[in-house]
PDB file of N, CA and C in Angstrom:
ATOM      1  N   MET A   1      84.560  83.521  72.368  1.00  0.00           N
ATOM      2  CA  MET A   1      85.506  83.809  73.408  1.00  0.00           C
ATOM      3  C   MET A   1      86.580  82.745  73.490  1.00  0.00           C
ATOM      4  N   ASN A   2      86.217  81.499  73.251  1.00  0.00           N
ATOM      5  CA  ASN A   2      87.173  80.411  73.354  1.00  0.00           C
ATOM      6  C   ASN A   2      87.945  80.326  72.042  1.00  0.00           C
ATOM      7  N   GLN A   3      89.200  80.774  72.044  1.00  0.00           N
ATOM      8  CA  GLN A   3      90.003  80.788  70.844  1.00  0.00           C
ATOM      9  C   GLN A   3      90.650  79.432  70.564  1.00  0.00           C
ATOM     10  N   GLY A   4      90.756  78.581  71.542  1.00  0.00           N
ATOM     11  CA  GLY A   4      91.391  77.291  71.359  1.00  0.00           C
ATOM     12  C   GLY A   4      92.892  77.405  71.551  1.00  0.00           C
ATOM     13  N   LYS A   5      93.517  76.245  71.729  1.00  0.00           N
ATOM     14  CA  LYS A   5      94.955  76.254  71.954  1.00  0.00           C
ATOM     15  C   LYS A   5      95.695  76.419  70.633  1.00  0.00           C
ATOM     16  N   GLY A   6      96.745  77.199  70.676  1.00  0.00           N
ATOM     17  CA  GLY A   6      97.575  77.364  69.503  1.00  0.00           C
ATOM     18  C   GLY A   6      97.100  78.439  68.542  1.00  0.00           C
ATOM     19  N   GLN A   7      95.893  78.931  68.686  1.00  0.00           N
ATOM     20  CA  GLN A   7      95.410  79.982  67.800  1.00  0.00           C
ATOM     21  C   GLN A   7      95.736  81.339  68.410  1.00  0.00           C
ATOM     22  N   ARG A   8      96.153  82.243  67.578  1.00  0.00           N
ATOM     23  CA  ARG A   8      96.525  83.566  68.050  1.00  0.00           C
ATOM     24  C   ARG A   8      95.470  84.575  67.601  1.00  0.00           C
ATOM     25  N   PHE A   9      95.393  85.648  68.318  1.00  0.00           N
ATOM     26  CA  PHE A   9      94.502  86.720  67.921  1.00  0.00           C
ATOM     27  C   PHE A   9      95.037  87.372  66.651  1.00  0.00           C
ATOM     28  N   PRO A  10      94.193  87.900  65.789  1.00  0.00           N
ATOM     29  CA  PRO A  10      94.675  88.512  64.546  1.00  0.00           C
ATOM     30  C   PRO A  10      95.642  89.670  64.788  1.00  0.00           C
ATOM     31  N   ARG A  11      95.533  90.357  65.892  1.00  0.00           N
ATOM     32  CA  ARG A  11      96.385  91.497  66.173  1.00  0.00           C
ATOM     33  C   ARG A  11      97.821  91.064  66.443  1.00  0.00           C
ATOM     34  N   ASP A  12      98.020  89.806  66.860  1.00  0.00           N
ATOM     35  CA  ASP A  12      99.345  89.323  67.195  1.00  0.00           C
ATOM     36  C   ASP A  12     100.122  88.815  65.983  1.00  0.00           C
ATOM     37  N   THR A  13      99.513  88.741  64.848  1.00  0.00           N
ATOM     38  CA  THR A  13     100.204  88.180  63.692  1.00  0.00           C
ATOM     39  C   THR A  13     101.156  89.192  63.089  1.00  0.00           C
ATOM     40  N   GLN A  14     102.115  88.685  62.338  1.00  0.00           N
ATOM     41  CA  GLN A  14     103.129  89.534  61.703  1.00  0.00           C
ATOM     42  C   GLN A  14     102.508  90.432  60.640  1.00  0.00           C
ATOM     43  N   GLU A  15     101.498  89.919  59.944  1.00  0.00           N
ATOM     44  CA  GLU A  15     100.882  90.663  58.848  1.00  0.00           C
ATOM     45  C   GLU A  15     100.229  91.943  59.339  1.00  0.00           C
ATOM     46  N   VAL A  16      99.492  91.868  60.437  1.00  0.00           N
ATOM     47  CA  VAL A  16      98.816  93.045  60.980  1.00  0.00           C
ATOM     48  C   VAL A  16      99.841  94.042  61.497  1.00  0.00           C
ATOM     49  N   THR A  17     100.917  93.570  62.100  1.00  0.00           N
ATOM     50  CA  THR A  17     101.951  94.465  62.618  1.00  0.00           C
ATOM     51  C   THR A  17     102.599  95.251  61.492  1.00  0.00           C
ATOM     52  N   GLN A  18     102.853  94.612  60.357  1.00  0.00           N
ATOM     53  CA  GLN A  18     103.445  95.320  59.225  1.00  0.00           C
ATOM     54  C   GLN A  18     102.488  96.351  58.668  1.00  0.00           C
ATOM     55  N   LYS A  19     101.193  96.049  58.598  1.00  0.00           N
ATOM     56  CA  LYS A  19     100.216  97.013  58.096  1.00  0.00           C
ATOM     57  C   LYS A  19     100.131  98.227  59.014  1.00  0.00           C
ATOM     58  N   GLU A  20     100.211  98.002  60.314  1.00  0.00           N
ATOM     59  CA  GLU A  20     100.151  99.125  61.245  1.00  0.00           C
ATOM     60  C   GLU A  20     101.370 100.022  61.097  1.00  0.00           C
ATOM     61  N   ARG A  21     102.532  99.431  60.857  1.00  0.00           N
ATOM     62  CA  ARG A  21     103.737 100.235  60.665  1.00  0.00           C
ATOM     63  C   ARG A  21     103.628 101.093  59.418  1.00  0.00           C
ATOM     64  N   VAL A  22     103.127 100.536  58.346  1.00  0.00           N
ATOM     65  CA  VAL A  22     102.980 101.282  57.105  1.00  0.00           C
ATOM     66  C   VAL A  22     101.940 102.374  57.276  1.00  0.00           C
ATOM     67  N   ARG A  23     100.833 102.054  57.924  1.00  0.00           N
ATOM     68  CA  ARG A  23      99.770 103.036  58.100  1.00  0.00           C
ATOM     69  C   ARG A  23     100.211 104.188  58.993  1.00  0.00           C
ATOM     70  N   SER A  24     100.971 103.898  60.044  1.00  0.00           N
ATOM     71  CA  SER A  24     101.401 104.969  60.936  1.00  0.00           C
ATOM     72  C   SER A  24     102.373 105.913  60.238  1.00  0.00           C
ATOM     73  N   GLY A  25     103.128 105.432  59.277  1.00  0.00           N
ATOM     74  CA  GLY A  25     104.035 106.289  58.533  1.00  0.00           C
ATOM     75  C   GLY A  25     103.309 107.208  57.582  1.00  0.00           C
ATOM     76  N   LYS A  26     102.201 106.784  57.058  1.00  0.00           N
ATOM     77  CA  LYS A  26     101.459 107.596  56.097  1.00  0.00           C
ATOM     78  C   LYS A  26     100.499 108.570  56.758  1.00  0.00           C
ATOM     79  N   SER A  27     100.218 108.382  58.029  1.00  0.00           N
ATOM     80  CA  SER A  27      99.193 109.216  58.654  1.00  0.00           C
ATOM     81  C   SER A  27      99.742 110.486  59.289  1.00  0.00           C
ATOM     82  N   TRP A  28     101.045 110.716  59.269  1.00  0.00           N
ATOM     83  CA  TRP A  28     101.558 111.924  59.918  1.00  0.00           C
ATOM     84  C   TRP A  28     101.135 113.203  59.208  1.00  0.00           C
ATOM     85  N   PRO A  29     100.984 113.242  57.872  1.00  0.00           N
ATOM     86  CA  PRO A  29     100.469 114.496  57.278  1.00  0.00           C
ATOM     87  C   PRO A  29      99.031 114.787  57.699  1.00  0.00           C
ATOM     88  N   LEU A  30      98.239 113.738  57.847  1.00  0.00           N
ATOM     89  CA  LEU A  30      96.851 113.923  58.280  1.00  0.00           C
ATOM     90  C   LEU A  30      96.795 114.427  59.715  1.00  0.00           C
ATOM     91  N   THR A  31      97.627 113.873  60.571  1.00  0.00           N
ATOM     92  CA  THR A  31      97.679 114.323  61.962  1.00  0.00           C
ATOM     93  C   THR A  31      98.146 115.767  62.041  1.00  0.00           C
ATOM     94  N   LEU A  32      99.150 116.115  61.278  1.00  0.00           N
ATOM     95  CA  LEU A  32      99.654 117.490  61.254  1.00  0.00           C
ATOM     96  C   LEU A  32      98.591 118.456  60.738  1.00  0.00           C
ATOM     97  N   ALA A  33      97.846 118.040  59.722  1.00  0.00           N
ATOM     98  CA  ALA A  33      96.774 118.883  59.193  1.00  0.00           C
ATOM     99  C   ALA A  33      95.680 119.105  60.232  1.00  0.00           C
ATOM    100  N   LYS A  34      95.364 118.065  60.991  1.00  0.00           N
ATOM    101  CA  LYS A  34      94.348 118.204  62.034  1.00  0.00           C
ATOM    102  C   LYS A  34      94.816 119.153  63.124  1.00  0.00           C
ATOM    103  N   ILE A  35      96.087 119.045  63.499  1.00  0.00           N
ATOM    104  CA  ILE A  35      96.614 119.895  64.571  1.00  0.00           C
ATOM    105  C   ILE A  35      96.646 121.360  64.134  1.00  0.00           C
ATOM    106  N   LEU A  36      96.981 121.623  62.890  1.00  0.00           N
ATOM    107  CA  LEU A  36      97.047 122.999  62.410  1.00  0.00           C
ATOM    108  C   LEU A  36      95.678 123.551  62.035  1.00  0.00           C
ATOM    109  N   LEU A  37      94.817 122.697  61.557  1.00  0.00           N
ATOM    110  CA  LEU A  37      93.514 123.152  61.081  1.00  0.00           C
ATOM    111  C   LEU A  37      92.565 123.491  62.222  1.00  0.00           C
ATOM    112  N   LEU A  38      92.632 122.780  63.311  1.00  0.00           N
ATOM    113  CA  LEU A  38      91.708 122.996  64.421  1.00  0.00           C
ATOM    114  C   LEU A  38      91.812 124.402  65.014  1.00  0.00           C
ATOM    115  N   PRO A  39      92.985 124.918  65.376  1.00  0.00           N
ATOM    116  CA  PRO A  39      93.037 126.286  65.911  1.00  0.00           C
ATOM    117  C   PRO A  39      92.597 127.340  64.902  1.00  0.00           C
ATOM    118  N   ILE A  40      92.890 127.118  63.631  1.00  0.00           N
ATOM    119  CA  ILE A  40      92.482 128.073  62.604  1.00  0.00           C
ATOM    120  C   ILE A  40      90.962 128.116  62.490  1.00  0.00           C
ATOM    121  N   LEU A  41      90.334 126.955  62.483  1.00  0.00           N
ATOM    122  CA  LEU A  41      88.868 126.919  62.408  1.00  0.00           C
ATOM    123  C   LEU A  41      88.225 127.509  63.659  1.00  0.00           C
ATOM    124  N   LEU A  42      88.810 127.261  64.820  1.00  0.00           N
ATOM    125  CA  LEU A  42      88.281 127.846  66.051  1.00  0.00           C
ATOM    126  C   LEU A  42      88.394 129.364  66.047  1.00  0.00           C
ATOM    127  N   PHE A  43      89.508 129.884  65.545  1.00  0.00           N
ATOM    128  CA  PHE A  43      89.690 131.338  65.478  1.00  0.00           C
ATOM    129  C   PHE A  43      88.664 131.979  64.551  1.00  0.00           C
ATOM    130  N   PHE A  44      88.483 131.385  63.365  1.00  0.00           N
ATOM    131  CA  PHE A  44      87.525 131.965  62.425  1.00  0.00           C
ATOM    132  C   PHE A  44      86.090 131.843  62.928  1.00  0.00           C
ATOM    133  N   SER A  45      85.766 130.785  63.626  1.00  0.00           N
ATOM    134  CA  SER A  45      84.414 130.682  64.170  1.00  0.00           C
ATOM    135  C   SER A  45      84.209 131.694  65.299  1.00  0.00           C
ATOM    136  N   LEU A  46      85.250 132.012  66.058  1.00  0.00           N
ATOM    137  CA  LEU A  46      85.157 133.053  67.075  1.00  0.00           C
ATOM    138  C   LEU A  46      84.913 134.416  66.434  1.00  0.00           C
ATOM    139  N   VAL A  47      85.652 134.726  65.389  1.00  0.00           N
ATOM    140  CA  VAL A  47      85.498 136.019  64.705  1.00  0.00           C
ATOM    141  C   VAL A  47      84.115 136.128  64.075  1.00  0.00           C
ATOM    142  N   ILE A  48      83.655 135.082  63.439  1.00  0.00           N
ATOM    143  CA  ILE A  48      82.332 135.112  62.817  1.00  0.00           C
ATOM    144  C   ILE A  48      81.247 135.240  63.879  1.00  0.00           C
ATOM    145  N   GLY A  49      81.412 134.555  64.998  1.00  0.00           N
ATOM    146  CA  GLY A  49      80.440 134.680  66.086  1.00  0.00           C
ATOM    147  C   GLY A  49      80.413 136.082  66.670  1.00  0.00           C
ATOM    148  N   LEU A  50      81.579 136.709  66.817  1.00  0.00           N
ATOM    149  CA  LEU A  50      81.618 138.093  67.289  1.00  0.00           C
ATOM    150  C   LEU A  50      80.942 139.036  66.307  1.00  0.00           C
ATOM    151  N   MET A  51      81.179 138.812  65.033  1.00  0.00           N
ATOM    152  CA  MET A  51      80.564 139.669  64.021  1.00  0.00           C
ATOM    153  C   MET A  51      79.048 139.524  64.011  1.00  0.00           C
ATOM    154  N   ILE A  52      78.564 138.314  64.130  1.00  0.00           N
ATOM    155  CA  ILE A  52      77.111 138.094  64.143  1.00  0.00           C
ATOM    156  C   ILE A  52      76.501 138.673  65.414  1.00  0.00           C
ATOM    157  N   GLY A  53      77.132 138.415  66.538  1.00  0.00           N
ATOM    158  CA  GLY A  53      76.587 138.902  67.799  1.00  0.00           C
ATOM    159  C   GLY A  53      76.611 140.408  67.917  1.00  0.00           C
ATOM    160  N   TYR A  54      77.707 141.023  67.516  1.00  0.00           N
ATOM    161  CA  TYR A  54      77.830 142.472  67.652  1.00  0.00           C
ATOM    162  C   TYR A  54      77.058 143.193  66.562  1.00  0.00           C
ATOM    163  N   GLY A  55      77.086 142.655  65.353  1.00  0.00           N
ATOM    164  CA  GLY A  55      76.426 143.327  64.232  1.00  0.00           C
ATOM    165  C   GLY A  55      74.933 143.081  64.164  1.00  0.00           C
ATOM    166  N   SER A  56      74.530 141.829  64.219  1.00  0.00           N
ATOM    167  CA  SER A  56      73.109 141.504  64.050  1.00  0.00           C
ATOM    168  C   SER A  56      72.330 141.664  65.343  1.00  0.00           C
ATOM    169  N   LEU A  57      72.820 141.067  66.414  1.00  0.00           N
ATOM    170  CA  LEU A  57      72.077 141.110  67.664  1.00  0.00           C
ATOM    171  C   LEU A  57      72.240 142.436  68.394  1.00  0.00           C
ATOM    172  N   GLY A  58      73.392 143.052  68.254  1.00  0.00           N
ATOM    173  CA  GLY A  58      73.651 144.294  68.963  1.00  0.00           C
ATOM    174  C   GLY A  58      73.301 145.549  68.184  1.00  0.00           C
ATOM    175  N   ASP A  59      72.915 145.402  66.939  1.00  0.00           N
ATOM    176  CA  ASP A  59      72.559 146.527  66.066  1.00  0.00           C
ATOM    177  C   ASP A  59      73.660 147.578  66.008  1.00  0.00           C
ATOM    178  N   LYS A  60      74.893 147.132  65.950  1.00  0.00           N
ATOM    179  CA  LYS A  60      76.042 148.026  65.811  1.00  0.00           C
ATOM    180  C   LYS A  60      76.731 147.719  64.491  1.00  0.00           C
ATOM    181  N   PRO A  61      77.581 148.622  64.019  1.00  0.00           N
ATOM    182  CA  PRO A  61      78.336 148.316  62.794  1.00  0.00           C
ATOM    183  C   PRO A  61      79.277 147.132  63.013  1.00  0.00           C
ATOM    184  N   THR A  62      79.286 146.222  62.084  1.00  0.00           N
ATOM    185  CA  THR A  62      80.069 144.997  62.214  1.00  0.00           C
ATOM    186  C   THR A  62      81.562 145.288  62.228  1.00  0.00           C
ATOM    187  N   ALA A  63      81.991 146.353  61.586  1.00  0.00           N
ATOM    188  CA  ALA A  63      83.417 146.680  61.521  1.00  0.00           C
ATOM    189  C   ALA A  63      83.986 147.053  62.890  1.00  0.00           C
ATOM    190  N   GLU A  64      83.141 147.436  63.833  1.00  0.00           N
ATOM    191  CA  GLU A  64      83.624 147.797  65.163  1.00  0.00           C
ATOM    192  C   GLU A  64      84.110 146.590  65.955  1.00  0.00           C
ATOM    193  N   VAL A  65      83.843 145.392  65.473  1.00  0.00           N
ATOM    194  CA  VAL A  65      84.353 144.187  66.126  1.00  0.00           C
ATOM    195  C   VAL A  65      85.879 144.180  66.093  1.00  0.00           C
ATOM    196  N   PHE A  66      86.464 144.732  65.051  1.00  0.00           N
ATOM    197  CA  PHE A  66      87.908 144.718  64.883  1.00  0.00           C
ATOM    198  C   PHE A  66      88.593 145.932  65.509  1.00  0.00           C
ATOM    199  N   ASP A  67      87.854 146.805  66.161  1.00  0.00           N
ATOM    200  CA  ASP A  67      88.407 147.994  66.791  1.00  0.00           C
ATOM    201  C   ASP A  67      88.791 147.677  68.236  1.00  0.00           C
ATOM    202  N   LEU A  68      90.013 147.962  68.612  1.00  0.00           N
ATOM    203  CA  LEU A  68      90.493 147.676  69.963  1.00  0.00           C
ATOM    204  C   LEU A  68      89.794 148.563  70.995  1.00  0.00           C
ATOM    205  N   GLY A  69      89.383 149.744  70.610  1.00  0.00           N
ATOM    206  CA  GLY A  69      88.679 150.649  71.516  1.00  0.00           C
ATOM    207  C   GLY A  69      87.359 150.082  72.012  1.00  0.00           C
ATOM    208  N   THR A  70      86.728 149.261  71.208  1.00  0.00           N
ATOM    209  CA  THR A  70      85.475 148.618  71.618  1.00  0.00           C
ATOM    210  C   THR A  70      85.698 147.728  72.825  1.00  0.00           C
ATOM    211  N   TYR A  71      86.762 146.957  72.814  1.00  0.00           N
ATOM    212  CA  TYR A  71      87.032 146.027  73.909  1.00  0.00           C
ATOM    213  C   TYR A  71      87.572 146.748  75.138  1.00  0.00           C
ATOM    214  N   LYS A  72      88.277 147.856  74.940  1.00  0.00           N
ATOM    215  CA  LYS A  72      88.701 148.669  76.084  1.00  0.00           C
ATOM    216  C   LYS A  72      87.484 149.266  76.785  1.00  0.00           C
ATOM    217  N   HIS A  73      86.519 149.718  75.992  1.00  0.00           N
ATOM    218  CA  HIS A  73      85.295 150.278  76.559  1.00  0.00           C
ATOM    219  C   HIS A  73      84.501 149.209  77.321  1.00  0.00           C
ATOM    220  N   MET A  74      84.409 148.001  76.752  1.00  0.00           N
ATOM    221  CA  MET A  74      83.702 146.918  77.448  1.00  0.00           C
ATOM    222  C   MET A  74      84.419 146.539  78.742  1.00  0.00           C
ATOM    223  N   TYR A  75      85.733 146.533  78.731  1.00  0.00           N
ATOM    224  CA  TYR A  75      86.508 146.226  79.936  1.00  0.00           C
ATOM    225  C   TYR A  75      86.270 147.284  81.006  1.00  0.00           C
ATOM    226  N   ASP A  76      86.254 148.540  80.600  1.00  0.00           N
ATOM    227  CA  ASP A  76      85.994 149.621  81.555  1.00  0.00           C
ATOM    228  C   ASP A  76      84.590 149.526  82.139  1.00  0.00           C
ATOM    229  N   LEU A  77      83.610 149.141  81.322  1.00  0.00           N
ATOM    230  CA  LEU A  77      82.248 148.992  81.829  1.00  0.00           C
ATOM    231  C   LEU A  77      82.133 147.827  82.817  1.00  0.00           C
ATOM    232  N   LEU A  78      82.837 146.752  82.549  1.00  0.00           N
ATOM    233  CA  LEU A  78      82.738 145.582  83.437  1.00  0.00           C
ATOM    234  C   LEU A  78      83.468 145.777  84.754  1.00  0.00           C
ATOM    235  N   PHE A  79      84.622 146.418  84.730  1.00  0.00           N
ATOM    236  CA  PHE A  79      85.456 146.489  85.915  1.00  0.00           C
ATOM    237  C   PHE A  79      85.595 147.898  86.457  1.00  0.00           C
ATOM    238  N   SER A  80      84.599 148.742  86.272  1.00  0.00           N
ATOM    239  CA  SER A  80      84.693 150.122  86.767  1.00  0.00           C
ATOM    240  C   SER A  80      84.553 150.194  88.286  1.00  0.00           C
ATOM    241  N   ASP A  81      83.817 149.272  88.898  1.00  0.00           N
ATOM    242  CA  ASP A  81      83.603 149.318  90.348  1.00  0.00           C
ATOM    243  C   ASP A  81      84.692 148.597  91.145  1.00  0.00           C
ATOM    244  N   THR A  82      85.599 147.907  90.493  1.00  0.00           N
ATOM    245  CA  THR A  82      86.578 147.103  91.220  1.00  0.00           C
ATOM    246  C   THR A  82      87.855 147.841  91.538  1.00  0.00           C
ATOM    247  N   GLN A  83      87.936 149.119  91.298  1.00  0.00           N
ATOM    248  CA  GLN A  83      89.179 149.854  91.552  1.00  0.00           C
ATOM    249  C   GLN A  83      89.298 150.249  92.957  1.00  0.00           C
TER     250      GLN A  83
END
């Protein structure tokens, strides 16, 4: 804890500051890839989960997951008493 007089922390030196500048310039493609990849992976995991749940657990044809009429029917079943 006692750094002594005249000694600076490594983060305050010029060398570390230059490395951080170089690293921050190179990391923007990685950050962009993370931002774009996350929603895509979440979407595909949602679709796969719907297919497994509707097809395997529900004993229905898996292709009906992509039919809009299926979700209209589920909406009507859930909210039929609220009219």
